[in-house]
């Protein structure tokens, strides 16, 4: 048998062990708080995900234009960027006119819910000369000057999206990405 002093020590040790854990009520309160936080954060996460797809498509397209321009200068020949597929496709390829593909991007690469709108309508190609400037497309087809990226209207969360534009500016062939809804004076505002 234990004497009174040893019993006191054992009881003291047991009470410390009990105090180290969580009660069922504390655990349920923690789970409830976590559920509320997730419920509040979910719409913002969905908006962020959709806007990331728009940004992926626009940045990829801008990079493709810059790649075409750089390849034209480095190869000292005309290089074109061609838009592939319909309005709901963000696919493109950089190629030598009538020749092999230099670089390409499929629509499924991070932007499957994005649609694009090309200006002028129906234009699918832009060609850069060996000086990195815009030049006439082969076959006298019109060159695009503006491509807008936004969510496909079939998606219910269109109101959550942020449209972006990629422009080929002037005959010099400068490439610019901008936000048509940016605040005036912002660096990303469209001209």
Protein backbone atom coordinates (compact mmCIF):
# COMPACT_ATOMS: atom_id res chain seq x y z
CA UNK A 1 0.00 0.00 0.00
CA UNK A 2 0.93 3.58 -0.59
CA UNK A 3 1.47 5.94 2.24
CA UNK A 4 -0.22 9.33 2.27
CA UNK A 5 2.73 11.17 0.74
CA UNK A 6 3.09 8.77 -2.20
CA UNK A 7 -0.68 8.82 -2.79
CA UNK A 8 -0.56 12.63 -2.95
CA UNK A 9 2.22 12.51 -5.55
CA UNK A 10 0.35 9.99 -7.69
CA UNK A 11 -2.85 12.04 -7.54
CA UNK A 12 -0.87 15.18 -8.39
CA UNK A 13 0.68 13.43 -11.41
CA UNK A 14 -2.75 12.21 -12.59
CA UNK A 15 -4.27 15.70 -12.35
CA UNK A 16 -1.42 17.09 -14.45
CA UNK A 17 -2.03 14.42 -17.09
CA UNK A 18 -5.73 15.28 -17.25
CA UNK A 19 -4.97 18.98 -17.67
CA UNK A 20 -2.69 18.38 -20.66
CA UNK A 21 -5.47 17.19 -23.06
CA UNK A 22 -8.58 18.68 -24.67
CA UNK A 23 -12.09 18.06 -23.54
CA UNK A 24 -14.71 16.97 -26.05
CA UNK A 25 -16.42 20.36 -25.77
CA UNK A 26 -13.17 22.21 -26.54
CA UNK A 27 -12.58 19.98 -29.55
CA UNK A 28 -16.11 20.58 -30.91
CA UNK A 29 -15.73 24.35 -30.49
CA UNK A 30 -12.43 24.24 -32.39
CA UNK A 31 -14.02 22.26 -35.24
CA UNK A 32 -16.95 24.71 -35.38
CA UNK A 33 -14.60 27.72 -35.60
CA UNK A 34 -12.60 25.99 -38.36
CA UNK A 35 -15.82 25.25 -40.31
CA UNK A 36 -16.88 28.90 -40.09
CA UNK A 37 -13.47 30.11 -41.32
CA UNK A 38 -13.55 27.70 -44.28
CA UNK A 39 -17.08 28.80 -45.19
CA UNK A 40 -16.02 32.46 -45.18
CA UNK A 41 -12.81 31.84 -47.15
CA UNK A 42 -14.23 29.55 -49.87
CA UNK A 43 -15.72 32.25 -52.18
CA UNK A 44 -12.45 34.21 -52.08
CA UNK A 45 -10.47 31.07 -52.86
CA UNK A 46 -12.74 30.30 -55.85
CA UNK A 47 -12.34 33.87 -57.14
CA UNK A 48 -8.56 33.64 -56.73
CA UNK A 49 -8.49 30.32 -58.61
CA UNK A 50 -10.54 31.67 -61.53
CA UNK A 51 -8.51 34.87 -61.77
CA UNK A 52 -5.31 32.80 -61.73
CA UNK A 53 -6.52 30.97 -64.82
CA UNK A 54 -7.16 34.30 -66.60
CA UNK A 55 -3.71 35.57 -65.58
CA UNK A 56 -2.08 32.30 -66.73
CA UNK A 57 -3.69 32.58 -70.17
CA UNK A 58 -2.84 36.28 -70.60
CA UNK A 59 0.75 35.95 -69.38
CA UNK A 60 1.33 32.87 -71.51
CA UNK A 61 0.03 34.70 -74.58
CA UNK A 62 2.15 37.77 -73.83
CA UNK A 63 5.20 35.52 -73.39
CA UNK A 64 4.40 33.82 -76.70
CA UNK A 65 4.30 37.19 -78.46
CA UNK A 66 7.60 38.19 -76.87
CA UNK A 67 9.10 34.84 -77.85
CA UNK A 68 7.97 35.31 -81.47
CA UNK A 69 9.44 38.82 -81.55
CA UNK A 70 12.73 37.65 -80.01
CA UNK A 71 12.99 34.67 -82.39
CA UNK A 72 12.42 36.97 -85.38
CA UNK A 73 15.34 39.14 -84.32
CA UNK A 74 17.67 36.27 -83.36
CA UNK A 75 16.93 34.26 -86.53
CA UNK A 76 16.96 37.38 -88.73
CA UNK A 77 13.72 36.34 -90.45
CA UNK A 78 9.97 36.72 -90.11
CA UNK A 79 8.35 34.76 -87.27
CA UNK A 80 4.62 34.56 -86.57
CA UNK A 81 2.42 33.76 -83.62
CA UNK A 82 -0.77 31.96 -84.62
CA UNK A 83 -3.84 31.58 -82.42
CA UNK A 84 -5.24 28.05 -82.56
CA UNK A 85 -8.81 26.82 -81.97
CA UNK A 86 -12.00 28.75 -81.30
CA UNK A 87 -12.89 31.50 -78.82
CA UNK A 88 -12.77 29.15 -75.85
CA UNK A 89 -9.24 28.04 -76.71
CA UNK A 90 -6.14 29.81 -75.40
CA UNK A 91 -3.77 27.71 -77.53
CA UNK A 92 -1.10 29.33 -79.70
CA UNK A 93 2.09 28.50 -81.55
CA UNK A 94 5.19 30.43 -82.60
CA UNK A 95 6.44 29.36 -86.02
CA UNK A 96 8.35 30.34 -89.08
CA UNK A 97 5.85 31.18 -91.87
CA UNK A 98 4.99 27.93 -93.63
CA UNK A 99 7.51 26.00 -91.58
CA UNK A 100 8.09 24.13 -88.34
CA UNK A 101 6.75 25.15 -84.95
CA UNK A 102 9.26 26.83 -82.61
CA UNK A 103 7.09 26.92 -79.46
CA UNK A 104 3.46 26.23 -78.56
CA UNK A 105 0.93 26.19 -75.73
CA UNK A 106 -2.15 24.03 -75.34
CA UNK A 107 -5.43 25.35 -73.90
CA UNK A 108 -5.37 22.78 -71.15
CA UNK A 109 -2.26 24.29 -69.54
CA UNK A 110 -3.75 26.09 -66.55
CA UNK A 111 -6.54 28.03 -68.24
CA UNK A 112 -9.27 25.63 -69.30
CA UNK A 113 -12.13 27.94 -68.17
CA UNK A 114 -10.86 31.02 -70.04
CA UNK A 115 -12.16 32.39 -73.31
CA UNK A 116 -10.53 34.94 -75.58
CA UNK A 117 -11.76 37.68 -77.85
CA UNK A 118 -9.53 38.82 -80.71
CA UNK A 119 -9.57 42.29 -82.32
CA UNK A 120 -10.06 42.60 -85.25
CA UNK A 121 -12.54 39.73 -85.28
CA UNK A 122 -11.35 36.71 -87.23
CA UNK A 123 -7.65 37.63 -87.12
CA UNK A 124 -5.51 34.70 -86.01
CA UNK A 125 -1.90 35.64 -86.76
CA UNK A 126 0.65 38.38 -86.14
CA UNK A 127 4.06 38.43 -87.84
CA UNK A 128 7.26 40.07 -86.59
CA UNK A 129 10.08 41.07 -88.94
CA UNK A 130 13.80 40.51 -88.37
CA UNK A 131 13.86 43.93 -86.64
CA UNK A 132 11.17 42.88 -84.14
CA UNK A 133 8.62 45.15 -85.79
CA UNK A 134 5.17 44.20 -87.05
CA UNK A 135 5.05 43.21 -90.69
CA UNK A 136 2.32 42.03 -93.04
CA UNK A 137 1.08 38.48 -92.54
CA UNK A 138 1.59 36.00 -95.36
CA UNK A 139 -1.51 35.83 -97.56
CA UNK A 140 -2.44 39.44 -96.65
CA UNK A 141 -4.53 38.30 -93.68
CA UNK A 142 -5.24 40.94 -91.06
CA UNK A 143 -3.02 40.88 -87.97
CA UNK A 144 -4.60 40.99 -84.52
CA UNK A 145 -3.76 43.95 -82.29
CA UNK A 146 -5.68 43.10 -79.12
CA UNK A 147 -6.63 39.87 -77.36
CA UNK A 148 -8.93 39.94 -74.31
CA UNK A 149 -9.01 37.10 -71.78
CA UNK A 150 -11.94 36.46 -69.46
CA UNK A 151 -13.98 33.55 -68.12
CA UNK A 152 -16.25 31.57 -70.40
CA UNK A 153 -19.78 33.09 -69.98
CA UNK A 154 -21.16 29.59 -69.29
CA UNK A 155 -19.48 29.75 -65.85
CA UNK A 156 -21.65 31.08 -63.05
CA UNK A 157 -18.76 32.87 -61.32
CA UNK A 158 -18.11 35.31 -64.20
CA UNK A 159 -18.86 38.17 -61.79
CA UNK A 160 -15.81 37.09 -59.77
CA UNK A 161 -13.40 37.33 -62.70
CA UNK A 162 -10.96 40.04 -63.69
CA UNK A 163 -10.53 40.52 -67.43
CA UNK A 164 -7.03 41.09 -68.81
CA UNK A 165 -5.89 42.33 -72.22
CA UNK A 166 -2.75 41.68 -74.24
CA UNK A 167 -1.96 44.28 -76.89
CA UNK A 168 0.52 44.56 -79.71
CA UNK A 169 1.15 48.29 -79.68
CA UNK A 170 1.91 50.15 -82.91
CA UNK A 171 4.17 49.23 -85.78
CA UNK A 172 7.11 48.83 -83.39
CA UNK A 173 5.49 45.61 -82.14
CA UNK A 174 5.69 46.33 -78.42
CA UNK A 175 3.73 43.82 -76.34
CA UNK A 176 1.74 44.98 -73.31
CA UNK A 177 -0.63 43.31 -70.83
CA UNK A 178 -3.15 45.50 -69.00
CA UNK A 179 -6.28 45.46 -66.84
CA UNK A 180 -9.23 47.42 -68.33
CA UNK A 181 -10.82 47.74 -64.87
CA UNK A 182 -7.74 49.02 -63.05
CA UNK A 183 -7.98 52.29 -61.15
CA UNK A 184 -6.96 55.40 -63.12
CA UNK A 185 -3.28 56.15 -62.56
CA UNK A 186 -2.46 52.49 -61.92
CA UNK A 187 0.50 51.03 -63.82
CA UNK A 188 -1.67 48.19 -65.14
CA UNK A 189 -4.47 50.38 -66.55
CA UNK A 190 -5.20 50.01 -70.28
CA UNK A 191 -4.66 53.06 -72.50
